[in-house]
């Protein structure tokens, strides 16, 4: 679903209380948000409850959806805040962004990626798994979820510079693990 379609559905929910449009948004965003929440709270049932609360509030305050410019960023930020609040209530002692267990989804297959061998793919997955948790989370949000660096900074409440540094660390470690010279690689170009 592209940004325009999301915006149209968002407007239909806000202005017309369109339940089928709300259901489409829910079905599109819920699985991504659930994975994200699970990586923070490390409990699927709790994550499901927290994400359900977000979507209930979205419906209850649907008239405010017209004010939201980027629903995806808004929902991820809400998910992060919901999880952090839950963990604070449970007196979680560590920063959830530093202990997140992120699971790398398989890359989308396109002609360029078909050239990557299975061995190289395993090397990439192992390198990503060995990244520090916050670095891994940032890598996942940018490379798998397609967020811009600025959006990830907003979601996680950190600076764009921190995002750039963490992404550079991830790319450097991944490229080193698979013996790739990143100075000549188009596939790892910086995304702003």
C-alpha atoms as a PDB file:
ATOM      1  CA  UNK A   1       0.000   0.000   0.000  1.00  0.00           C
ATOM      2  CA  UNK A   2       1.541   3.323  -1.006  1.00  0.00           C
ATOM      3  CA  UNK A   3       1.471   6.598   0.939  1.00  0.00           C
ATOM      4  CA  UNK A   4      -1.335   8.050  -1.189  1.00  0.00           C
ATOM      5  CA  UNK A   5      -3.613   5.044  -0.626  1.00  0.00           C
ATOM      6  CA  UNK A   6      -2.895   5.193   3.111  1.00  0.00           C
ATOM      7  CA  UNK A   7      -3.777   8.890   3.102  1.00  0.00           C
ATOM      8  CA  UNK A   8      -7.055   8.271   1.256  1.00  0.00           C
ATOM      9  CA  UNK A   9      -8.043   5.523   3.705  1.00  0.00           C
ATOM     10  CA  UNK A  10      -7.016   7.722   6.608  1.00  0.00           C
ATOM     11  CA  UNK A  11      -9.276  10.519   5.330  1.00  0.00           C
ATOM     12  CA  UNK A  12     -12.185   8.118   4.792  1.00  0.00           C
ATOM     13  CA  UNK A  13     -11.866   6.889   8.372  1.00  0.00           C
ATOM     14  CA  UNK A  14     -11.584  10.423   9.754  1.00  0.00           C
ATOM     15  CA  UNK A  15     -14.330  12.088   7.742  1.00  0.00           C
ATOM     16  CA  UNK A  16     -16.771   9.252   7.022  1.00  0.00           C
ATOM     17  CA  UNK A  17     -16.157   6.796   9.899  1.00  0.00           C
ATOM     18  CA  UNK A  18     -15.580   4.261   7.108  1.00  0.00           C
ATOM     19  CA  UNK A  19     -15.147   0.892   8.862  1.00  0.00           C
ATOM     20  CA  UNK A  20     -13.878  -1.023   5.783  1.00  0.00           C
ATOM     21  CA  UNK A  21     -11.181   1.660   5.310  1.00  0.00           C
ATOM     22  CA  UNK A  22     -10.247   1.357   8.997  1.00  0.00           C
ATOM     23  CA  UNK A  23     -10.060  -2.442   8.643  1.00  0.00           C
ATOM     24  CA  UNK A  24      -7.721  -2.124   5.638  1.00  0.00           C
ATOM     25  CA  UNK A  25      -5.428   0.202   7.589  1.00  0.00           C
ATOM     26  CA  UNK A  26      -5.536  -2.146  10.561  1.00  0.00           C
ATOM     27  CA  UNK A  27      -4.761  -5.208   8.427  1.00  0.00           C
ATOM     28  CA  UNK A  28      -1.891  -3.405   6.741  1.00  0.00           C
ATOM     29  CA  UNK A  29      -0.203  -1.900   9.815  1.00  0.00           C
ATOM     30  CA  UNK A  30      -0.999  -4.343  12.611  1.00  0.00           C
ATOM     31  CA  UNK A  31       1.449  -7.152  11.645  1.00  0.00           C
ATOM     32  CA  UNK A  32       4.371  -4.718  11.281  1.00  0.00           C
ATOM     33  CA  UNK A  33       3.557  -2.934  14.514  1.00  0.00           C
ATOM     34  CA  UNK A  34       3.121  -6.220  16.362  1.00  0.00           C
ATOM     35  CA  UNK A  35       6.610  -7.412  15.302  1.00  0.00           C
ATOM     36  CA  UNK A  36       8.035  -4.061  16.374  1.00  0.00           C
ATOM     37  CA  UNK A  37       6.241  -4.166  19.747  1.00  0.00           C
ATOM     38  CA  UNK A  38       7.283  -7.793  20.346  1.00  0.00           C
ATOM     39  CA  UNK A  39      10.903  -6.802  19.805  1.00  0.00           C
ATOM     40  CA  UNK A  40      10.543  -4.224  22.587  1.00  0.00           C
ATOM     41  CA  UNK A  41       8.384  -5.955  25.217  1.00  0.00           C
ATOM     42  CA  UNK A  42       9.485  -9.525  24.380  1.00  0.00           C
ATOM     43  CA  UNK A  43       5.993 -10.897  25.001  1.00  0.00           C
ATOM     44  CA  UNK A  44       3.583 -11.483  22.129  1.00  0.00           C
ATOM     45  CA  UNK A  45       0.402 -11.381  24.233  1.00  0.00           C
ATOM     46  CA  UNK A  46       1.395  -8.076  25.846  1.00  0.00           C
ATOM     47  CA  UNK A  47       2.393  -6.675  22.453  1.00  0.00           C
ATOM     48  CA  UNK A  48      -0.973  -7.724  20.981  1.00  0.00           C
ATOM     49  CA  UNK A  49      -2.804  -5.977  23.810  1.00  0.00           C
ATOM     50  CA  UNK A  50      -0.730  -2.807  23.480  1.00  0.00           C
ATOM     51  CA  UNK A  51      -1.255  -2.649  19.708  1.00  0.00           C
ATOM     52  CA  UNK A  52      -4.986  -3.319  20.104  1.00  0.00           C
ATOM     53  CA  UNK A  53      -5.129  -0.348  22.481  1.00  0.00           C
ATOM     54  CA  UNK A  54      -3.526   1.857  19.841  1.00  0.00           C
ATOM     55  CA  UNK A  55      -6.030   0.848  17.178  1.00  0.00           C
ATOM     56  CA  UNK A  56      -8.955   1.293  19.565  1.00  0.00           C
ATOM     57  CA  UNK A  57      -7.743   4.825  20.313  1.00  0.00           C
ATOM     58  CA  UNK A  58      -7.305   5.473  16.583  1.00  0.00           C
ATOM     59  CA  UNK A  59     -10.960   4.596  16.014  1.00  0.00           C
ATOM     60  CA  UNK A  60     -12.171   6.536  19.056  1.00  0.00           C
ATOM     61  CA  UNK A  61     -10.255   9.655  17.960  1.00  0.00           C
ATOM     62  CA  UNK A  62     -10.624   9.085  14.224  1.00  0.00           C
ATOM     63  CA  UNK A  63     -11.594  12.708  13.559  1.00  0.00           C
ATOM     64  CA  UNK A  64      -8.009  13.671  14.512  1.00  0.00           C
ATOM     65  CA  UNK A  65      -6.571  11.520  11.723  1.00  0.00           C
ATOM     66  CA  UNK A  66      -6.858  14.451   9.315  1.00  0.00           C
ATOM     67  CA  UNK A  67      -4.067  16.183  11.255  1.00  0.00           C
ATOM     68  CA  UNK A  68      -1.584  13.307  10.892  1.00  0.00           C
ATOM     69  CA  UNK A  69       0.756  13.791   7.938  1.00  0.00           C
ATOM     70  CA  UNK A  70       2.524  10.413   7.996  1.00  0.00           C
ATOM     71  CA  UNK A  71       0.370   7.697   9.559  1.00  0.00           C
ATOM     72  CA  UNK A  72       3.121   5.071   9.422  1.00  0.00           C
ATOM     73  CA  UNK A  73       5.530   7.205  11.446  1.00  0.00           C
ATOM     74  CA  UNK A  74       2.711   8.192  13.799  1.00  0.00           C
ATOM     75  CA  UNK A  75       1.752   4.552  14.450  1.00  0.00           C
ATOM     76  CA  UNK A  76       5.329   3.382  14.989  1.00  0.00           C
ATOM     77  CA  UNK A  77       5.918   6.274  17.382  1.00  0.00           C
ATOM     78  CA  UNK A  78       2.702   5.409  19.226  1.00  0.00           C
ATOM     79  CA  UNK A  79       3.776   1.751  19.384  1.00  0.00           C
ATOM     80  CA  UNK A  80       7.188   2.680  20.769  1.00  0.00           C
ATOM     81  CA  UNK A  81       5.641   5.004  23.362  1.00  0.00           C
ATOM     82  CA  UNK A  82       3.045   2.404  24.354  1.00  0.00           C
ATOM     83  CA  UNK A  83       5.764  -0.220  24.850  1.00  0.00           C
ATOM     84  CA  UNK A  84       8.056   2.130  26.773  1.00  0.00           C
ATOM     85  CA  UNK A  85       5.174   3.147  29.062  1.00  0.00           C
ATOM     86  CA  UNK A  86       4.324  -0.509  29.664  1.00  0.00           C
ATOM     87  CA  UNK A  87       7.946  -1.301  30.510  1.00  0.00           C
ATOM     88  CA  UNK A  88       8.231   1.715  32.821  1.00  0.00           C
ATOM     89  CA  UNK A  89       5.162   0.510  34.737  1.00  0.00           C
ATOM     90  CA  UNK A  90       6.858  -2.873  35.083  1.00  0.00           C
ATOM     91  CA  UNK A  91      10.003  -1.063  36.256  1.00  0.00           C
ATOM     92  CA  UNK A  92      12.061  -2.363  33.352  1.00  0.00           C
ATOM     93  CA  UNK A  93      15.617  -1.340  34.157  1.00  0.00           C
ATOM     94  CA  UNK A  94      17.062  -1.274  30.649  1.00  0.00           C
ATOM     95  CA  UNK A  95      16.373   0.915  27.651  1.00  0.00           C
ATOM     96  CA  UNK A  96      14.011  -1.214  25.504  1.00  0.00           C
ATOM     97  CA  UNK A  97      15.643   0.124  22.356  1.00  0.00           C
ATOM     98  CA  UNK A  98      18.968  -1.288  23.513  1.00  0.00           C
ATOM     99  CA  UNK A  99      17.593  -4.717  24.338  1.00  0.00           C
ATOM    100  CA  UNK A 100      15.210  -5.145  21.414  1.00  0.00           C
ATOM    101  CA  UNK A 101      15.366  -8.503  19.694  1.00  0.00           C
ATOM    102  CA  UNK A 102      14.862  -7.741  16.057  1.00  0.00           C
ATOM    103  CA  UNK A 103      14.418 -10.552  13.586  1.00  0.00           C
ATOM    104  CA  UNK A 104      15.551  -9.817  10.071  1.00  0.00           C
ATOM    105  CA  UNK A 105      12.816 -10.495   7.568  1.00  0.00           C
ATOM    106  CA  UNK A 106      13.796 -11.916   4.218  1.00  0.00           C
ATOM    107  CA  UNK A 107      14.712  -9.257   1.691  1.00  0.00           C
ATOM    108  CA  UNK A 108      12.182  -8.546  -1.024  1.00  0.00           C
ATOM    109  CA  UNK A 109      13.223 -10.335  -4.165  1.00  0.00           C
ATOM    110  CA  UNK A 110      14.100  -8.153  -7.107  1.00  0.00           C
ATOM    111  CA  UNK A 111      16.496  -8.808 -10.003  1.00  0.00           C
ATOM    112  CA  UNK A 112      19.453  -7.176  -8.251  1.00  0.00           C
ATOM    113  CA  UNK A 113      18.963  -9.228  -5.098  1.00  0.00           C
ATOM    114  CA  UNK A 114      18.568 -12.455  -7.048  1.00  0.00           C
ATOM    115  CA  UNK A 115      22.279 -12.152  -7.758  1.00  0.00           C
ATOM    116  CA  UNK A 116      23.064 -12.579  -4.057  1.00  0.00           C
ATOM    117  CA  UNK A 117      23.937 -16.177  -3.342  1.00  0.00           C
ATOM    118  CA  UNK A 118      22.361 -18.184  -0.536  1.00  0.00           C
ATOM    119  CA  UNK A 119      25.726 -18.248   1.212  1.00  0.00           C
ATOM    120  CA  UNK A 120      26.005 -14.480   1.057  1.00  0.00           C
ATOM    121  CA  UNK A 121      22.433 -14.149   2.341  1.00  0.00           C
ATOM    122  CA  UNK A 122      23.300 -16.330   5.341  1.00  0.00           C
ATOM    123  CA  UNK A 123      26.355 -14.146   5.914  1.00  0.00           C
ATOM    124  CA  UNK A 124      24.202 -11.015   5.853  1.00  0.00           C
ATOM    125  CA  UNK A 125      21.678 -12.537   8.269  1.00  0.00           C
ATOM    126  CA  UNK A 126      24.450 -13.597  10.662  1.00  0.00           C
ATOM    127  CA  UNK A 127      26.056 -10.158  10.460  1.00  0.00           C
ATOM    128  CA  UNK A 128      22.732  -8.454  11.166  1.00  0.00           C
ATOM    129  CA  UNK A 129      22.073 -10.819  14.075  1.00  0.00           C
ATOM    130  CA  UNK A 130      25.445  -9.868  15.575  1.00  0.00           C
ATOM    131  CA  UNK A 131      24.733  -6.125  15.460  1.00  0.00           C
ATOM    132  CA  UNK A 132      24.118  -4.294  18.749  1.00  0.00           C
ATOM    133  CA  UNK A 133      20.338  -4.244  19.436  1.00  0.00           C
ATOM    134  CA  UNK A 134      19.746  -0.531  18.757  1.00  0.00           C
ATOM    135  CA  UNK A 135      21.840  -0.700  15.595  1.00  0.00           C
ATOM    136  CA  UNK A 136      19.894  -3.781  14.481  1.00  0.00           C
ATOM    137  CA  UNK A 137      16.560  -2.065  15.172  1.00  0.00           C
ATOM    138  CA  UNK A 138      17.567   0.997  13.150  1.00  0.00           C
ATOM    139  CA  UNK A 139      18.781  -1.209  10.302  1.00  0.00           C
ATOM    140  CA  UNK A 140      15.469  -3.096  10.286  1.00  0.00           C
ATOM    141  CA  UNK A 141      13.328   0.031  10.270  1.00  0.00           C
ATOM    142  CA  UNK A 142      15.285   1.614   7.426  1.00  0.00           C
ATOM    143  CA  UNK A 143      16.151  -1.373   5.254  1.00  0.00           C
ATOM    144  CA  UNK A 144      13.130  -3.602   5.828  1.00  0.00           C
ATOM    145  CA  UNK A 145      10.309  -1.249   6.707  1.00  0.00           C
ATOM    146  CA  UNK A 146      11.453   1.436   4.274  1.00  0.00           C
ATOM    147  CA  UNK A 147      11.520   4.351   6.694  1.00  0.00           C
ATOM    148  CA  UNK A 148      13.642   7.389   5.991  1.00  0.00           C
ATOM    149  CA  UNK A 149      16.418   8.221   8.473  1.00  0.00           C
ATOM    150  CA  UNK A 150      14.426  11.264   9.618  1.00  0.00           C
ATOM    151  CA  UNK A 151      11.351   9.113  10.288  1.00  0.00           C
ATOM    152  CA  UNK A 152      13.312   6.571  12.336  1.00  0.00           C
ATOM    153  CA  UNK A 153      14.837   9.415  14.361  1.00  0.00           C
ATOM    154  CA  UNK A 154      11.326  10.674  15.084  1.00  0.00           C
ATOM    155  CA  UNK A 155      10.014   7.212  15.996  1.00  0.00           C
ATOM    156  CA  UNK A 156      12.894   6.399  18.333  1.00  0.00           C
ATOM    157  CA  UNK A 157      13.293   9.914  19.726  1.00  0.00           C
ATOM    158  CA  UNK A 158      16.957  10.220  18.747  1.00  0.00           C
ATOM    159  CA  UNK A 159      18.845  12.475  16.377  1.00  0.00           C
ATOM    160  CA  UNK A 160      19.194  11.900  12.641  1.00  0.00           C
ATOM    161  CA  UNK A 161      22.949  12.000  13.190  1.00  0.00           C
ATOM    162  CA  UNK A 162      22.659   9.033  15.575  1.00  0.00           C
ATOM    163  CA  UNK A 163      20.641   7.190  12.935  1.00  0.00           C
ATOM    164  CA  UNK A 164      23.321   7.934  10.320  1.00  0.00           C
ATOM    165  CA  UNK A 165      26.101   6.731  12.629  1.00  0.00           C
ATOM    166  CA  UNK A 166      24.256   3.538  13.613  1.00  0.00           C
ATOM    167  CA  UNK A 167      23.362   2.754  10.001  1.00  0.00           C
ATOM    168  CA  UNK A 168      26.984   3.320   8.947  1.00  0.00           C
ATOM    169  CA  UNK A 169      28.112   0.926  11.689  1.00  0.00           C
ATOM    170  CA  UNK A 170      25.601  -1.667  10.507  1.00  0.00           C
ATOM    171  CA  UNK A 171      26.608  -1.379   6.870  1.00  0.00           C
ATOM    172  CA  UNK A 172      30.306  -1.479   7.711  1.00  0.00           C
ATOM    173  CA  UNK A 173      29.913  -4.601   9.877  1.00  0.00           C
ATOM    174  CA  UNK A 174      27.678  -6.357   7.374  1.00  0.00           C
ATOM    175  CA  UNK A 175      29.957  -5.545   4.446  1.00  0.00           C
ATOM    176  CA  UNK A 176      33.010  -6.684   6.411  1.00  0.00           C
ATOM    177  CA  UNK A 177      31.277  -9.945   7.322  1.00  0.00           C
ATOM    178  CA  UNK A 178      30.603 -10.729   3.663  1.00  0.00           C
ATOM    179  CA  UNK A 179      33.841  -9.196   2.345  1.00  0.00           C
ATOM    180  CA  UNK A 180      32.091  -6.444   0.437  1.00  0.00           C
ATOM    181  CA  UNK A 181      33.720  -3.146  -0.509  1.00  0.00           C
ATOM    182  CA  UNK A 182      30.973  -0.637   0.353  1.00  0.00           C
ATOM    183  CA  UNK A 183      32.707   2.209  -1.424  1.00  0.00           C
ATOM    184  CA  UNK A 184      31.708   0.645  -4.759  1.00  0.00           C
ATOM    185  CA  UNK A 185      28.314  -0.786  -3.809  1.00  0.00           C
ATOM    186  CA  UNK A 186      25.072   0.788  -4.999  1.00  0.00           C
ATOM    187  CA  UNK A 187      22.906  -1.523  -2.876  1.00  0.00           C
ATOM    188  CA  UNK A 188      24.000   0.097   0.377  1.00  0.00           C
ATOM    189  CA  UNK A 189      23.666   3.740  -0.574  1.00  0.00           C
ATOM    190  CA  UNK A 190      22.670   6.184   2.102  1.00  0.00           C
ATOM    191  CA  UNK A 191      18.953   6.914   2.349  1.00  0.00           C
ATOM    192  CA  UNK A 192      17.802  10.271   3.658  1.00  0.00           C
END
